[in-house]
Amino acid sequence: MKTIVLTLIIAFIIITGSFVIYIYSGAYDISQAVPHNALTKWMIKTATHGSINKRLKDIQVPLMNDSTAIVIGFEHYHEMCVMCHGAPGVKPWEMAEGLYPKPPKFYKSNDLPETAEAFWIIKNGIKMTSMPAYGPTHDDKKIWAITDFLLNKMNKMSPEEYQSWVQKYAEGDDDDEAMATQNN
């Protein structure tokens, strides 16, 4: 029994020591321009999905596909999200090309997150992805509106319709209440 315990302790010390040496050696390239290796991708993906899924159980999804909320969500998406994710007829900004991982282009995707997951991500962000948390600056009602626009309207919009909405809702008036009134 002593041999097994001693072997486990020595193995732990060697593995921990190797990990510490690797971390301090600078061998891991943290550049945004260099993709993660397969092991790192797996660890990040597994941790991300596990973390998000664990936190979804208490989220109550409100009624979605609300025209007033969609307009408010559009305004916020256009102001804060289009620079990285793009929109119909609108390319992501140049700075988004340097982000790793690349922000998804939701307007071209058939792989959108589930409603509660999208809300959670918009509210809380995701570490090490450049996805900020909007919960500190936006209440849940606005985050649900962004979620509603993202999941229920944007993929159905043509570039011309998106530009029409830009002219109608996003240029000039930043007041959500005024936009909601205009939509009715």
N, C-alpha and C. Protein backbone atom coordinates (compact mmCIF):
# COMPACT_ATOMS: atom_id res chain seq x y z
N MET A 1 0.82 -1.19 0.00
CA MET A 1 0.00 0.00 0.00
C MET A 1 0.86 1.26 0.00
N LYS A 2 1.96 1.22 0.77
CA LYS A 2 2.86 2.38 0.82
C LYS A 2 3.43 2.67 -0.56
N THR A 3 3.74 1.64 -1.32
CA THR A 3 4.31 1.80 -2.66
C THR A 3 3.32 2.51 -3.58
N ILE A 4 2.04 2.15 -3.51
CA ILE A 4 1.02 2.77 -4.36
C ILE A 4 0.87 4.24 -4.01
N VAL A 5 0.78 4.55 -2.73
CA VAL A 5 0.64 5.95 -2.29
C VAL A 5 1.87 6.75 -2.70
N LEU A 6 3.04 6.21 -2.49
CA LEU A 6 4.27 6.89 -2.85
C LEU A 6 4.34 7.11 -4.37
N THR A 7 3.93 6.12 -5.15
CA THR A 7 3.91 6.25 -6.61
C THR A 7 2.95 7.35 -7.04
N LEU A 8 1.77 7.39 -6.44
CA LEU A 8 0.79 8.43 -6.76
C LEU A 8 1.31 9.83 -6.40
N ILE A 9 1.95 9.96 -5.27
CA ILE A 9 2.51 11.25 -4.85
C ILE A 9 3.60 11.69 -5.82
N ILE A 10 4.49 10.78 -6.18
CA ILE A 10 5.58 11.12 -7.11
C ILE A 10 5.00 11.49 -8.48
N ALA A 11 4.00 10.73 -8.95
CA ALA A 11 3.38 11.04 -10.24
C ALA A 11 2.72 12.42 -10.20
N PHE A 12 2.04 12.72 -9.12
CA PHE A 12 1.40 14.03 -8.96
C PHE A 12 2.45 15.14 -8.99
N ILE A 13 3.54 14.97 -8.28
CA ILE A 13 4.61 15.97 -8.24
C ILE A 13 5.21 16.17 -9.64
N ILE A 14 5.45 15.09 -10.36
CA ILE A 14 6.03 15.18 -11.70
C ILE A 14 5.07 15.89 -12.66
N ILE A 15 3.79 15.51 -12.63
CA ILE A 15 2.80 16.13 -13.52
C ILE A 15 2.64 17.61 -13.18
N THR A 16 2.52 17.93 -11.90
CA THR A 16 2.37 19.32 -11.48
C THR A 16 3.62 20.13 -11.85
N GLY A 17 4.78 19.57 -11.58
CA GLY A 17 6.03 20.25 -11.92
C GLY A 17 6.16 20.49 -13.42
N SER A 18 5.79 19.50 -14.21
CA SER A 18 5.85 19.65 -15.67
C SER A 18 4.89 20.75 -16.14
N PHE A 19 3.71 20.78 -15.56
CA PHE A 19 2.72 21.81 -15.91
C PHE A 19 3.25 23.20 -15.55
N VAL A 20 3.80 23.35 -14.38
CA VAL A 20 4.34 24.65 -13.95
C VAL A 20 5.50 25.07 -14.86
N ILE A 21 6.38 24.17 -15.18
CA ILE A 21 7.49 24.48 -16.09
C ILE A 21 6.96 24.92 -17.46
N TYR A 22 5.97 24.20 -17.97
CA TYR A 22 5.37 24.54 -19.26
C TYR A 22 4.75 25.93 -19.23
N ILE A 23 4.00 26.25 -18.19
CA ILE A 23 3.35 27.55 -18.08
C ILE A 23 4.39 28.67 -18.04
N TYR A 24 5.41 28.53 -17.23
CA TYR A 24 6.43 29.56 -17.11
C TYR A 24 7.41 29.61 -18.27
N SER A 25 7.46 28.58 -19.09
CA SER A 25 8.42 28.52 -20.19
C SER A 25 8.07 29.46 -21.34
N GLY A 26 6.80 29.85 -21.44
CA GLY A 26 6.38 30.67 -22.57
C GLY A 26 6.15 29.86 -23.83
N ALA A 27 6.16 28.55 -23.75
CA ALA A 27 6.00 27.70 -24.92
C ALA A 27 4.61 27.81 -25.53
N TYR A 28 3.59 28.06 -24.70
CA TYR A 28 2.23 28.17 -25.23
C TYR A 28 2.07 29.56 -25.85
N ASP A 29 1.70 29.60 -27.12
CA ASP A 29 1.55 30.86 -27.84
C ASP A 29 0.15 31.42 -27.59
N ILE A 30 0.05 32.55 -26.88
CA ILE A 30 -1.24 33.13 -26.55
C ILE A 30 -1.73 34.14 -27.59
N SER A 31 -1.06 34.24 -28.70
CA SER A 31 -1.44 35.18 -29.75
C SER A 31 -2.84 34.90 -30.28
N GLN A 32 -3.61 35.96 -30.54
CA GLN A 32 -4.93 35.82 -31.17
C GLN A 32 -4.79 35.27 -32.59
N ALA A 33 -3.64 35.42 -33.20
CA ALA A 33 -3.45 35.00 -34.59
C ALA A 33 -3.13 33.52 -34.74
N VAL A 34 -2.91 32.83 -33.64
CA VAL A 34 -2.55 31.41 -33.69
C VAL A 34 -3.69 30.60 -33.06
N PRO A 35 -4.29 29.69 -33.82
CA PRO A 35 -5.39 28.89 -33.28
C PRO A 35 -4.94 28.00 -32.12
N HIS A 36 -5.89 27.65 -31.26
CA HIS A 36 -5.61 26.72 -30.17
C HIS A 36 -5.31 25.34 -30.74
N ASN A 37 -4.56 24.56 -29.97
CA ASN A 37 -4.36 23.16 -30.36
C ASN A 37 -5.63 22.37 -30.04
N ALA A 38 -5.73 21.15 -30.51
CA ALA A 38 -6.95 20.35 -30.36
C ALA A 38 -7.33 20.13 -28.90
N LEU A 39 -6.36 19.88 -28.04
CA LEU A 39 -6.66 19.66 -26.63
C LEU A 39 -7.24 20.92 -25.98
N THR A 40 -6.64 22.07 -26.27
CA THR A 40 -7.13 23.32 -25.71
C THR A 40 -8.53 23.63 -26.22
N LYS A 41 -8.77 23.42 -27.52
CA LYS A 41 -10.12 23.63 -28.08
C LYS A 41 -11.14 22.75 -27.36
N TRP A 42 -10.80 21.50 -27.17
CA TRP A 42 -11.71 20.58 -26.50
C TRP A 42 -12.00 21.03 -25.07
N MET A 43 -10.95 21.42 -24.35
CA MET A 43 -11.13 21.84 -22.95
C MET A 43 -12.02 23.08 -22.88
N ILE A 44 -11.77 24.06 -23.74
CA ILE A 44 -12.56 25.29 -23.72
C ILE A 44 -14.01 25.01 -24.10
N LYS A 45 -14.22 24.23 -25.16
CA LYS A 45 -15.58 23.91 -25.62
C LYS A 45 -16.33 23.14 -24.54
N THR A 46 -15.70 22.15 -23.95
CA THR A 46 -16.34 21.34 -22.92
C THR A 46 -16.68 22.19 -21.69
N ALA A 47 -15.73 23.01 -21.25
CA ALA A 47 -15.96 23.86 -20.08
C ALA A 47 -17.05 24.90 -20.37
N THR A 48 -17.04 25.47 -21.57
CA THR A 48 -18.04 26.49 -21.93
C THR A 48 -19.43 25.89 -21.92
N HIS A 49 -19.62 24.78 -22.62
CA HIS A 49 -20.95 24.18 -22.70
C HIS A 49 -21.43 23.69 -21.34
N GLY A 50 -20.54 23.07 -20.58
CA GLY A 50 -20.92 22.62 -19.24
C GLY A 50 -21.30 23.76 -18.33
N SER A 51 -20.54 24.84 -18.38
CA SER A 51 -20.81 26.00 -17.54
C SER A 51 -22.14 26.65 -17.90
N ILE A 52 -22.35 26.87 -19.19
CA ILE A 52 -23.60 27.52 -19.63
C ILE A 52 -24.79 26.62 -19.30
N ASN A 53 -24.72 25.34 -19.65
CA ASN A 53 -25.84 24.43 -19.40
C ASN A 53 -26.21 24.36 -17.92
N LYS A 54 -25.21 24.40 -17.05
CA LYS A 54 -25.47 24.35 -15.61
C LYS A 54 -26.25 25.58 -15.15
N ARG A 55 -26.07 26.71 -15.81
CA ARG A 55 -26.68 27.96 -15.38
C ARG A 55 -28.00 28.28 -16.09
N LEU A 56 -28.45 27.43 -17.00
CA LEU A 56 -29.67 27.70 -17.75
C LEU A 56 -30.94 27.30 -17.02
N LYS A 57 -30.84 26.43 -16.03
CA LYS A 57 -32.03 25.84 -15.41
C LYS A 57 -32.97 26.86 -14.78
N ASP A 58 -32.46 27.98 -14.30
CA ASP A 58 -33.31 28.97 -13.63
C ASP A 58 -33.84 30.06 -14.57
N ILE A 59 -33.46 30.01 -15.83
CA ILE A 59 -33.90 31.04 -16.77
C ILE A 59 -35.31 30.72 -17.26
N GLN A 60 -36.21 31.67 -17.09
CA GLN A 60 -37.59 31.55 -17.57
C GLN A 60 -37.70 32.35 -18.86
N VAL A 61 -37.91 31.67 -19.97
CA VAL A 61 -38.00 32.33 -21.27
C VAL A 61 -39.38 32.99 -21.40
N PRO A 62 -39.41 34.30 -21.64
CA PRO A 62 -40.69 34.98 -21.83
C PRO A 62 -41.26 34.69 -23.22
N LEU A 63 -42.46 35.17 -23.47
CA LEU A 63 -43.01 35.05 -24.82
C LEU A 63 -42.07 35.77 -25.78
N MET A 64 -41.78 35.10 -26.87
CA MET A 64 -40.85 35.68 -27.84
C MET A 64 -41.61 36.05 -29.11
N ASN A 65 -40.88 36.66 -30.04
CA ASN A 65 -41.41 37.10 -31.33
C ASN A 65 -42.38 38.26 -31.14
N ASP A 66 -42.02 39.15 -30.21
CA ASP A 66 -42.80 40.35 -29.92
C ASP A 66 -42.27 41.50 -30.78
N SER A 67 -43.13 42.09 -31.58
CA SER A 67 -42.67 43.10 -32.56
C SER A 67 -42.02 44.30 -31.89
N THR A 68 -42.54 44.74 -30.75
CA THR A 68 -41.95 45.88 -30.05
C THR A 68 -40.56 45.51 -29.53
N ALA A 69 -40.45 44.34 -28.91
CA ALA A 69 -39.16 43.89 -28.39
C ALA A 69 -38.16 43.70 -29.52
N ILE A 70 -38.61 43.18 -30.64
CA ILE A 70 -37.71 42.95 -31.78
C ILE A 70 -37.11 44.26 -32.27
N VAL A 71 -37.90 45.32 -32.32
CA VAL A 71 -37.38 46.63 -32.75
C VAL A 71 -36.34 47.13 -31.75
N ILE A 72 -36.64 47.02 -30.46
CA ILE A 72 -35.68 47.44 -29.43
C ILE A 72 -34.42 46.57 -29.52
N GLY A 73 -34.60 45.28 -29.71
CA GLY A 73 -33.46 44.38 -29.85
C GLY A 73 -32.62 44.71 -31.07
N PHE A 74 -33.29 45.07 -32.18
CA PHE A 74 -32.57 45.47 -33.39
C PHE A 74 -31.67 46.67 -33.10
N GLU A 75 -32.22 47.69 -32.45
CA GLU A 75 -31.44 48.90 -32.18
C GLU A 75 -30.19 48.57 -31.38
N HIS A 76 -30.35 47.74 -30.36
CA HIS A 76 -29.19 47.38 -29.53
C HIS A 76 -28.22 46.47 -30.29
N TYR A 77 -28.74 45.52 -31.05
CA TYR A 77 -27.88 44.66 -31.86
C TYR A 77 -27.08 45.52 -32.84
N HIS A 78 -27.76 46.42 -33.53
CA HIS A 78 -27.09 47.25 -34.54
C HIS A 78 -26.02 48.13 -33.90
N GLU A 79 -26.28 48.60 -32.70
CA GLU A 79 -25.35 49.48 -32.01
C GLU A 79 -24.16 48.74 -31.42
N MET A 80 -24.38 47.52 -30.90
CA MET A 80 -23.34 46.86 -30.11
C MET A 80 -22.79 45.57 -30.69
N CYS A 81 -23.53 44.91 -31.58
CA CYS A 81 -23.16 43.56 -31.99
C CYS A 81 -22.69 43.46 -33.44
N VAL A 82 -23.23 44.34 -34.30
CA VAL A 82 -22.95 44.23 -35.73
C VAL A 82 -21.45 44.37 -36.04
N MET A 83 -20.73 45.09 -35.20
CA MET A 83 -19.30 45.30 -35.45
C MET A 83 -18.52 43.99 -35.46
N CYS A 84 -18.95 43.02 -34.66
CA CYS A 84 -18.27 41.72 -34.61
C CYS A 84 -19.02 40.63 -35.37
N HIS A 85 -20.34 40.63 -35.28
CA HIS A 85 -21.14 39.54 -35.84
C HIS A 85 -21.71 39.85 -37.22
N GLY A 86 -21.72 41.12 -37.63
CA GLY A 86 -22.31 41.48 -38.91
C GLY A 86 -23.82 41.38 -38.88
N ALA A 87 -24.43 41.60 -40.03
CA ALA A 87 -25.88 41.55 -40.18
C ALA A 87 -26.17 41.36 -41.67
N PRO A 88 -27.42 41.14 -42.06
CA PRO A 88 -27.71 40.98 -43.49
C PRO A 88 -27.22 42.21 -44.29
N GLY A 89 -26.29 41.99 -45.18
CA GLY A 89 -25.73 43.06 -46.00
C GLY A 89 -24.71 43.93 -45.29
N VAL A 90 -24.35 43.60 -44.07
CA VAL A 90 -23.39 44.39 -43.29
C VAL A 90 -22.28 43.46 -42.81
N LYS A 91 -21.08 43.69 -43.31
CA LYS A 91 -19.94 42.88 -42.88
C LYS A 91 -19.50 43.30 -41.48
N PRO A 92 -18.94 42.36 -40.72
CA PRO A 92 -18.33 42.75 -39.44
C PRO A 92 -17.22 43.77 -39.71
N TRP A 93 -16.94 44.58 -38.73
CA TRP A 93 -15.89 45.59 -38.87
C TRP A 93 -14.53 44.92 -39.03
N GLU A 94 -13.59 45.67 -39.52
CA GLU A 94 -12.24 45.17 -39.76
C GLU A 94 -11.60 44.58 -38.51
N MET A 95 -11.84 45.18 -37.36
CA MET A 95 -11.21 44.68 -36.13
C MET A 95 -11.67 43.28 -35.79
N ALA A 96 -12.85 42.87 -36.23
CA ALA A 96 -13.35 41.53 -35.94
C ALA A 96 -12.51 40.46 -36.62
N GLU A 97 -11.81 40.81 -37.69
CA GLU A 97 -10.95 39.84 -38.39
C GLU A 97 -9.79 39.38 -37.51
N GLY A 98 -9.40 40.19 -36.54
CA GLY A 98 -8.29 39.83 -35.66
C GLY A 98 -8.71 39.10 -34.41
N LEU A 99 -10.00 38.82 -34.25
CA LEU A 99 -10.46 38.14 -33.05
C LEU A 99 -10.35 36.62 -33.21
N TYR A 100 -9.98 35.96 -32.11
CA TYR A 100 -9.96 34.52 -32.09
C TYR A 100 -10.52 34.06 -30.75
N PRO A 101 -11.49 33.21 -30.76
CA PRO A 101 -12.13 32.63 -31.94
C PRO A 101 -12.95 33.67 -32.70
N LYS A 102 -13.17 33.39 -33.97
CA LYS A 102 -13.95 34.30 -34.82
C LYS A 102 -15.37 34.39 -34.29
N PRO A 103 -15.91 35.61 -34.19
CA PRO A 103 -17.32 35.74 -33.77
C PRO A 103 -18.23 35.11 -34.83
N PRO A 104 -19.24 34.36 -34.41
CA PRO A 104 -20.14 33.76 -35.40
C PRO A 104 -20.94 34.82 -36.14
N LYS A 105 -21.22 34.56 -37.39
CA LYS A 105 -22.06 35.45 -38.20
C LYS A 105 -23.46 34.86 -38.15
N PHE A 106 -24.23 35.31 -37.18
CA PHE A 106 -25.55 34.73 -36.92
C PHE A 106 -26.50 34.88 -38.08
N TYR A 107 -26.36 35.95 -38.85
CA TYR A 107 -27.28 36.16 -39.97
C TYR A 107 -27.06 35.15 -41.09
N LYS A 108 -25.98 34.42 -41.05
CA LYS A 108 -25.69 33.39 -42.05
C LYS A 108 -25.74 32.00 -41.45
N SER A 109 -26.20 31.89 -40.21
CA SER A 109 -26.09 30.62 -39.50
C SER A 109 -27.43 29.91 -39.37
N ASN A 110 -27.38 28.61 -39.52
CA ASN A 110 -28.52 27.77 -39.18
C ASN A 110 -28.29 27.10 -37.83
N ASP A 111 -27.18 27.45 -37.20
CA ASP A 111 -26.79 26.85 -35.93
C ASP A 111 -26.86 27.89 -34.81
N LEU A 112 -28.06 28.44 -34.62
CA LEU A 112 -28.24 29.44 -33.57
C LEU A 112 -28.43 28.76 -32.23
N PRO A 113 -28.01 29.43 -31.16
CA PRO A 113 -28.21 28.83 -29.83
C PRO A 113 -29.69 28.79 -29.47
N GLU A 114 -30.03 27.94 -28.50
CA GLU A 114 -31.39 27.92 -27.96
C GLU A 114 -31.65 29.27 -27.28
N THR A 115 -32.90 29.59 -27.08
CA THR A 115 -33.29 30.90 -26.56
C THR A 115 -32.64 31.23 -25.22
N ALA A 116 -32.76 30.34 -24.24
CA ALA A 116 -32.18 30.60 -22.91
C ALA A 116 -30.66 30.72 -22.98
N GLU A 117 -30.03 29.91 -23.83
CA GLU A 117 -28.57 29.96 -23.97
C GLU A 117 -28.14 31.29 -24.59
N ALA A 118 -28.85 31.74 -25.63
CA ALA A 118 -28.52 33.02 -26.26
C ALA A 118 -28.64 34.16 -25.24
N PHE A 119 -29.74 34.15 -24.47
CA PHE A 119 -29.93 35.17 -23.44
C PHE A 119 -28.78 35.15 -22.45
N TRP A 120 -28.42 33.96 -21.96
CA TRP A 120 -27.36 33.85 -20.96
C TRP A 120 -26.04 34.38 -21.51
N ILE A 121 -25.71 34.02 -22.75
CA ILE A 121 -24.45 34.46 -23.35
C ILE A 121 -24.43 35.97 -23.51
N ILE A 122 -25.53 36.56 -24.01
CA ILE A 122 -25.58 38.01 -24.18
C ILE A 122 -25.46 38.70 -22.82
N LYS A 123 -26.11 38.17 -21.83
CA LYS A 123 -26.09 38.79 -20.49
C LYS A 123 -24.73 38.64 -19.81
N ASN A 124 -24.12 37.46 -19.90
CA ASN A 124 -22.93 37.15 -19.11
C ASN A 124 -21.62 37.17 -19.89
N GLY A 125 -21.69 37.12 -21.22
CA GLY A 125 -20.47 37.05 -22.02
C GLY A 125 -19.78 35.71 -21.85
N ILE A 126 -18.66 35.54 -22.53
CA ILE A 126 -17.87 34.31 -22.41
C ILE A 126 -16.40 34.71 -22.34
N LYS A 127 -15.76 34.30 -21.28
CA LYS A 127 -14.33 34.59 -21.10
C LYS A 127 -13.51 34.06 -22.26
N MET A 128 -12.45 34.74 -22.59
CA MET A 128 -11.47 34.35 -23.60
C MET A 128 -12.06 34.22 -25.01
N THR A 129 -13.15 34.95 -25.30
CA THR A 129 -13.72 34.91 -26.64
C THR A 129 -13.99 36.30 -27.20
N SER A 130 -13.77 37.33 -26.46
CA SER A 130 -14.08 38.71 -26.83
C SER A 130 -15.57 38.99 -26.76
N MET A 131 -16.39 38.05 -26.29
CA MET A 131 -17.83 38.29 -26.13
C MET A 131 -18.04 38.94 -24.77
N PRO A 132 -18.42 40.24 -24.78
CA PRO A 132 -18.61 40.94 -23.51
C PRO A 132 -19.91 40.56 -22.83
N ALA A 133 -20.00 40.88 -21.56
CA ALA A 133 -21.22 40.70 -20.79
C ALA A 133 -22.01 42.00 -20.84
N TYR A 134 -23.25 41.94 -21.30
CA TYR A 134 -24.09 43.13 -21.34
C TYR A 134 -24.99 43.24 -20.12
N GLY A 135 -24.97 42.27 -19.23
CA GLY A 135 -25.76 42.33 -18.01
C GLY A 135 -25.45 43.54 -17.13
N PRO A 136 -24.19 43.95 -17.02
CA PRO A 136 -23.89 45.12 -16.19
C PRO A 136 -24.46 46.44 -16.76
N THR A 137 -24.74 46.48 -18.04
CA THR A 137 -25.20 47.74 -18.65
C THR A 137 -26.62 47.68 -19.19
N HIS A 138 -27.21 46.50 -19.25
CA HIS A 138 -28.55 46.34 -19.82
C HIS A 138 -29.41 45.49 -18.88
N ASP A 139 -30.65 45.90 -18.70
CA ASP A 139 -31.54 45.08 -17.88
C ASP A 139 -32.01 43.87 -18.68
N ASP A 140 -32.63 42.92 -18.00
CA ASP A 140 -33.06 41.69 -18.65
C ASP A 140 -34.03 41.94 -19.80
N LYS A 141 -34.89 42.93 -19.66
CA LYS A 141 -35.87 43.22 -20.71
C LYS A 141 -35.16 43.57 -22.03
N LYS A 142 -34.11 44.37 -21.96
CA LYS A 142 -33.37 44.73 -23.18
C LYS A 142 -32.59 43.53 -23.71
N ILE A 143 -32.05 42.71 -22.82
CA ILE A 143 -31.30 41.53 -23.27
C ILE A 143 -32.26 40.54 -23.93
N TRP A 144 -33.47 40.39 -23.38
CA TRP A 144 -34.46 39.53 -24.03
C TRP A 144 -34.83 40.10 -25.40
N ALA A 145 -34.89 41.42 -25.52
CA ALA A 145 -35.21 42.05 -26.81
C ALA A 145 -34.12 41.74 -27.84
N ILE A 146 -32.87 41.83 -27.43
CA ILE A 146 -31.76 41.49 -28.34
C ILE A 146 -31.87 40.02 -28.74
N THR A 147 -32.15 39.17 -27.78
CA THR A 147 -32.31 37.73 -28.04
C THR A 147 -33.44 37.50 -29.03
N ASP A 148 -34.56 38.19 -28.83
CA ASP A 148 -35.72 38.05 -29.71
C ASP A 148 -35.36 38.45 -31.14
N PHE A 149 -34.69 39.61 -31.30
CA PHE A 149 -34.28 40.04 -32.64
C PHE A 149 -33.33 39.03 -33.27
N LEU A 150 -32.34 38.60 -32.51
CA LEU A 150 -31.33 37.69 -33.03
C LEU A 150 -31.94 36.36 -33.50
N LEU A 151 -32.81 35.80 -32.70
CA LEU A 151 -33.32 34.46 -32.99
C LEU A 151 -34.58 34.44 -33.86
N ASN A 152 -35.36 35.51 -33.84
CA ASN A 152 -36.66 35.47 -34.51
C ASN A 152 -36.82 36.41 -35.69
N LYS A 153 -35.85 37.28 -35.92
CA LYS A 153 -36.02 38.22 -37.03
C LYS A 153 -34.83 38.29 -37.97
N MET A 154 -33.63 38.40 -37.43
CA MET A 154 -32.47 38.74 -38.26
C MET A 154 -32.26 37.78 -39.43
N ASN A 155 -32.35 36.47 -39.20
CA ASN A 155 -32.11 35.52 -40.29
C ASN A 155 -33.17 35.57 -41.37
N LYS A 156 -34.29 36.21 -41.08
CA LYS A 156 -35.37 36.32 -42.07
C LYS A 156 -35.28 37.62 -42.86
N MET A 157 -34.33 38.49 -42.51
CA MET A 157 -34.22 39.81 -43.14
C MET A 157 -33.32 39.76 -44.37
N SER A 158 -33.72 40.48 -45.39
CA SER A 158 -32.85 40.70 -46.54
C SER A 158 -31.93 41.86 -46.20
N PRO A 159 -30.83 42.02 -46.94
CA PRO A 159 -29.98 43.19 -46.72
C PRO A 159 -30.75 44.51 -46.89
N GLU A 160 -31.68 44.54 -47.83
CA GLU A 160 -32.47 45.76 -48.05
C GLU A 160 -33.38 46.05 -46.86
N GLU A 161 -34.00 45.01 -46.32
CA GLU A 161 -34.87 45.21 -45.16
C GLU A 161 -34.05 45.66 -43.95
N TYR A 162 -32.87 45.07 -43.76
CA TYR A 162 -32.02 45.48 -42.65
C TYR A 162 -31.67 46.95 -42.78
N GLN A 163 -31.28 47.38 -43.98
CA GLN A 163 -30.94 48.80 -44.18
C GLN A 163 -32.15 49.70 -43.97
N SER A 164 -33.32 49.24 -44.34
CA SER A 164 -34.55 50.00 -44.09
C SER A 164 -34.75 50.18 -42.59
N TRP A 165 -34.50 49.13 -41.82
CA TRP A 165 -34.63 49.24 -40.37
C TRP A 165 -33.57 50.18 -39.80
N VAL A 166 -32.36 50.15 -40.37
CA VAL A 166 -31.31 51.07 -39.92
C VAL A 166 -31.81 52.50 -40.07
N GLN A 167 -32.36 52.82 -41.22
CA GLN A 167 -32.84 54.18 -41.47
C GLN A 167 -34.03 54.53 -40.59
N LYS A 168 -34.89 53.57 -40.36
CA LYS A 168 -36.12 53.83 -39.61
C LYS A 168 -35.90 53.87 -38.10
N TYR A 169 -35.08 52.97 -37.57
CA TYR A 169 -34.98 52.82 -36.12
C TYR A 169 -33.63 53.17 -35.52
N ALA A 170 -32.55 53.03 -36.27
CA ALA A 170 -31.23 53.16 -35.65
C ALA A 170 -30.57 54.50 -35.87
N GLU A 171 -30.99 55.26 -36.82
CA GLU A 171 -30.33 56.53 -37.08
C GLU A 171 -31.00 57.66 -36.33
N GLY A 172 -30.24 58.28 -35.46
CA GLY A 172 -30.72 59.48 -34.78
C GLY A 172 -31.30 59.24 -33.41
N ASP A 173 -32.37 58.48 -33.26
CA ASP A 173 -33.09 58.36 -32.00
C ASP A 173 -32.60 57.15 -31.21
N ASP A 174 -32.01 57.41 -30.04
CA ASP A 174 -31.51 56.32 -29.20
C ASP A 174 -32.51 55.91 -28.13
N ASP A 175 -33.67 56.53 -28.09
CA ASP A 175 -34.63 56.27 -27.04
C ASP A 175 -35.47 55.03 -27.36
N ASP A 176 -35.34 54.00 -26.55
CA ASP A 176 -36.08 52.76 -26.77
C ASP A 176 -37.59 52.97 -26.77
N GLU A 177 -38.06 53.83 -25.88
CA GLU A 177 -39.50 54.06 -25.79
C GLU A 177 -40.02 54.70 -27.07
N ALA A 178 -39.26 55.62 -27.65
CA ALA A 178 -39.68 56.26 -28.88
C ALA A 178 -39.75 55.23 -30.01
N MET A 179 -38.79 54.30 -30.04
CA MET A 179 -38.79 53.28 -31.09
C MET A 179 -39.97 52.35 -30.92
N ALA A 180 -40.27 51.97 -29.69
CA ALA A 180 -41.39 51.08 -29.47
C ALA A 180 -42.70 51.74 -29.89
N THR A 181 -42.81 53.04 -29.63
CA THR A 181 -44.00 53.78 -30.03
C THR A 181 -44.10 53.85 -31.53
N GLN A 182 -42.98 54.07 -32.22
CA GLN A 182 -42.97 54.15 -33.69
C GLN A 182 -43.41 52.82 -34.29
N ASN A 183 -43.09 51.71 -33.63
CA ASN A 183 -43.39 50.40 -34.18
C ASN A 183 -44.88 50.06 -34.08
N ASN A 184 -45.60 50.68 -33.17
CA ASN A 184 -47.03 50.37 -32.98
C ASN A 184 -47.90 51.10 -33.95
